[in-house]
């Protein structure tokens, strides 16, 4: 057996030690963004994760250089405390261009044969800010819900149009027989 000699670090040495692995400020931000992504995926809405992470890195670099110029010591805690990014600003249909839709198909085993069945669609979006691509899967159940919502809106619009056309005060041309 070999004996190893170890000693405890002094307080001054502990301050100089840098952690090579473990949680840092970026991990904390990624956790916030992950919750936002999960929330928007549950509602089948686009969310630009890449823009959020890029903006965080840009802001962290800006703060890091600002601290260096002031002659202060850089720590992850200082950087994380100064970064104030709203994770909700990277979502919403107005931030994305809808490119196209494609069918999502899956092979399903029925008896002894495989059947290619449509299980939903993929909606492809492109971020207007940095042109990041994004695809959202919508299952058939969600598509049926959307189809049920659309006719209700269209029926209300049709009723409003018929009321407005019959109640107009403009003179009607005479009907010739």
Protein backbone atom coordinates (compact mmCIF):
# COMPACT_ATOMS: atom_id res chain seq x y z
CA UNK A 1 0.00 0.00 0.00
CA UNK A 2 1.15 3.48 -0.71
CA UNK A 3 0.63 6.26 1.74
CA UNK A 4 -0.45 9.63 0.42
CA UNK A 5 0.31 12.79 2.26
CA UNK A 6 -2.34 15.51 2.01
CA UNK A 7 -2.84 18.81 3.74
CA UNK A 8 -5.74 21.22 4.01
CA UNK A 9 -5.64 24.40 1.91
CA UNK A 10 -5.30 27.67 3.71
CA UNK A 11 -7.96 30.39 3.33
CA UNK A 12 -5.74 32.34 0.95
CA UNK A 13 -5.15 29.27 -1.22
CA UNK A 14 -8.87 28.46 -1.27
CA UNK A 15 -9.60 31.91 -2.71
CA UNK A 16 -7.13 31.36 -5.55
CA UNK A 17 -8.47 27.94 -6.50
CA UNK A 18 -10.66 27.91 -9.61
CA UNK A 19 -13.32 25.29 -10.04
CA UNK A 20 -12.77 23.27 -13.18
CA UNK A 21 -16.18 21.67 -13.15
CA UNK A 22 -19.43 22.43 -11.46
CA UNK A 23 -22.22 24.92 -11.71
CA UNK A 24 -21.52 28.38 -13.01
CA UNK A 25 -23.61 31.34 -14.10
CA UNK A 26 -24.22 29.90 -17.57
CA UNK A 27 -25.70 26.73 -16.06
CA UNK A 28 -28.15 28.82 -14.05
CA UNK A 29 -29.29 30.67 -17.17
CA UNK A 30 -29.59 27.44 -19.14
CA UNK A 31 -31.88 26.06 -16.42
CA UNK A 32 -34.18 29.12 -16.74
CA UNK A 33 -34.21 28.84 -20.51
CA UNK A 34 -34.91 25.09 -20.35
CA UNK A 35 -38.05 25.77 -18.31
CA UNK A 36 -39.19 28.39 -20.82
CA UNK A 37 -38.53 26.04 -23.77
CA UNK A 38 -40.50 23.27 -22.08
CA UNK A 39 -43.42 25.62 -21.40
CA UNK A 40 -43.57 26.79 -25.03
CA UNK A 41 -43.17 23.29 -26.45
CA UNK A 42 -46.12 22.20 -24.34
CA UNK A 43 -48.19 24.93 -26.05
CA UNK A 44 -46.70 24.10 -29.49
CA UNK A 45 -45.22 27.59 -29.88
CA UNK A 46 -41.80 28.42 -31.34
CA UNK A 47 -38.99 29.44 -28.99
CA UNK A 48 -35.52 30.48 -30.21
CA UNK A 49 -33.15 28.77 -27.78
CA UNK A 50 -30.11 29.61 -29.89
CA UNK A 51 -30.85 33.36 -29.76
CA UNK A 52 -31.28 33.21 -25.98
CA UNK A 53 -27.96 31.44 -25.44
CA UNK A 54 -26.14 33.70 -27.92
CA UNK A 55 -27.48 36.84 -26.25
CA UNK A 56 -26.39 35.52 -22.85
CA UNK A 57 -22.85 34.86 -24.08
CA UNK A 58 -22.64 38.31 -25.69
CA UNK A 59 -23.92 40.02 -22.53
CA UNK A 60 -21.56 37.98 -20.30
CA UNK A 61 -18.58 38.94 -22.47
CA UNK A 62 -19.58 42.62 -22.35
CA UNK A 63 -19.86 42.55 -18.55
CA UNK A 64 -16.59 40.62 -18.23
CA UNK A 65 -14.68 43.25 -20.23
CA UNK A 66 -16.38 46.04 -18.28
CA UNK A 67 -15.26 44.49 -14.98
CA UNK A 68 -11.72 44.03 -16.34
CA UNK A 69 -11.55 47.68 -17.37
CA UNK A 70 -12.61 48.74 -13.89
CA UNK A 71 -9.80 46.62 -12.46
CA UNK A 72 -12.04 44.26 -10.53
CA UNK A 73 -11.79 40.53 -10.05
CA UNK A 74 -14.00 38.49 -12.36
CA UNK A 75 -16.24 35.86 -10.84
CA UNK A 76 -19.21 33.99 -12.24
CA UNK A 77 -21.41 35.27 -9.44
CA UNK A 78 -20.70 38.90 -10.37
CA UNK A 79 -21.49 38.24 -14.01
CA UNK A 80 -24.66 36.29 -13.28
CA UNK A 81 -25.95 38.98 -10.91
CA UNK A 82 -25.51 41.71 -13.54
CA UNK A 83 -27.12 39.89 -16.49
CA UNK A 84 -30.81 40.70 -16.73
CA UNK A 85 -32.24 38.87 -19.76
CA UNK A 86 -35.94 38.11 -20.07
CA UNK A 87 -36.23 34.51 -21.24
CA UNK A 88 -39.80 35.09 -22.47
CA UNK A 89 -38.76 37.58 -25.17
CA UNK A 90 -37.47 34.78 -27.41
CA UNK A 91 -40.89 33.25 -28.02
CA UNK A 92 -43.98 34.11 -29.99
CA UNK A 93 -45.14 33.73 -33.56
CA UNK A 94 -44.29 37.35 -34.43
CA UNK A 95 -40.56 36.61 -34.03
CA UNK A 96 -40.63 33.80 -36.59
CA UNK A 97 -41.42 33.31 -40.27
CA UNK A 98 -43.41 30.16 -40.99
CA UNK A 99 -41.58 28.42 -43.82
CA UNK A 100 -43.62 25.29 -44.48
CA UNK A 101 -45.27 22.20 -43.05
CA UNK A 102 -44.31 18.59 -43.65
CA UNK A 103 -46.02 15.37 -42.68
CA UNK A 104 -44.67 13.31 -39.82
CA UNK A 105 -45.03 9.61 -40.56
CA UNK A 106 -44.20 6.49 -38.59
CA UNK A 107 -44.16 2.79 -39.40
CA UNK A 108 -46.73 0.99 -37.28
CA UNK A 109 -46.90 -2.77 -37.02
CA UNK A 110 -50.43 -4.07 -37.58
CA UNK A 111 -50.55 -7.83 -37.40
CA UNK A 112 -47.59 -8.95 -39.46
CA UNK A 113 -47.38 -5.98 -41.81
CA UNK A 114 -45.95 -2.51 -41.40
CA UNK A 115 -48.19 0.42 -42.26
CA UNK A 116 -46.88 3.93 -42.85
CA UNK A 117 -49.22 6.16 -40.85
CA UNK A 118 -49.39 9.93 -40.49
CA UNK A 119 -48.90 10.83 -36.82
CA UNK A 120 -48.84 14.61 -37.20
CA UNK A 121 -46.99 17.42 -38.93
CA UNK A 122 -43.77 19.37 -38.51
CA UNK A 123 -44.12 23.14 -38.75
CA UNK A 124 -40.87 24.71 -39.85
CA UNK A 125 -40.04 28.23 -38.71
CA UNK A 126 -37.12 30.60 -39.22
CA UNK A 127 -36.07 33.16 -36.62
CA UNK A 128 -36.33 36.70 -37.99
CA UNK A 129 -33.49 37.95 -35.81
CA UNK A 130 -30.64 35.56 -36.65
CA UNK A 131 -32.21 33.15 -39.17
CA UNK A 132 -32.09 30.10 -36.88
CA UNK A 133 -34.19 27.19 -38.09
CA UNK A 134 -36.79 25.56 -35.86
CA UNK A 135 -39.29 22.72 -36.32
CA UNK A 136 -42.26 22.03 -34.08
CA UNK A 137 -44.06 18.69 -34.05
CA UNK A 138 -47.85 18.85 -33.83
CA UNK A 139 -49.61 15.51 -33.23
CA UNK A 140 -52.91 14.67 -34.94
CA UNK A 141 -54.83 15.41 -31.75
CA UNK A 142 -53.56 19.00 -31.72
CA UNK A 143 -54.37 19.39 -35.43
CA UNK A 144 -57.98 18.32 -34.77
CA UNK A 145 -58.22 20.87 -31.94
CA UNK A 146 -56.96 23.62 -34.25
CA UNK A 147 -59.42 22.57 -36.96
CA UNK A 148 -62.30 22.78 -34.47
CA UNK A 149 -61.23 26.27 -33.35
CA UNK A 150 -60.99 27.73 -36.88
CA UNK A 151 -64.61 27.10 -38.07
CA UNK A 152 -66.01 28.73 -34.93
CA UNK A 153 -64.13 31.93 -35.74
CA UNK A 154 -65.10 31.78 -39.43
CA UNK A 155 -68.82 31.25 -38.60
CA UNK A 156 -68.85 34.33 -36.37
CA UNK A 157 -67.24 36.38 -39.16
CA UNK A 158 -69.78 35.13 -41.71
CA UNK A 159 -72.70 36.10 -39.42
CA UNK A 160 -71.21 39.57 -38.90
CA UNK A 161 -70.87 40.06 -42.65
CA UNK A 162 -74.48 39.07 -43.41
CA UNK A 163 -75.80 41.41 -40.72
CA UNK A 164 -73.71 44.31 -41.98
CA UNK A 165 -74.73 43.75 -45.62
CA UNK A 166 -78.48 43.67 -44.82
CA UNK A 167 -78.38 46.58 -42.43
CA UNK A 168 -76.53 48.95 -44.75
CA UNK A 169 -78.38 52.16 -45.57
CA UNK A 170 -77.14 52.34 -49.14
CA UNK A 171 -79.97 52.17 -51.73
CA UNK A 172 -80.41 48.80 -53.37
CA UNK A 173 -80.76 48.63 -57.15
CA UNK A 174 -84.26 47.70 -58.36
CA UNK A 175 -84.81 44.08 -59.30
CA UNK A 176 -86.01 43.62 -62.89
CA UNK A 177 -88.20 40.72 -63.80
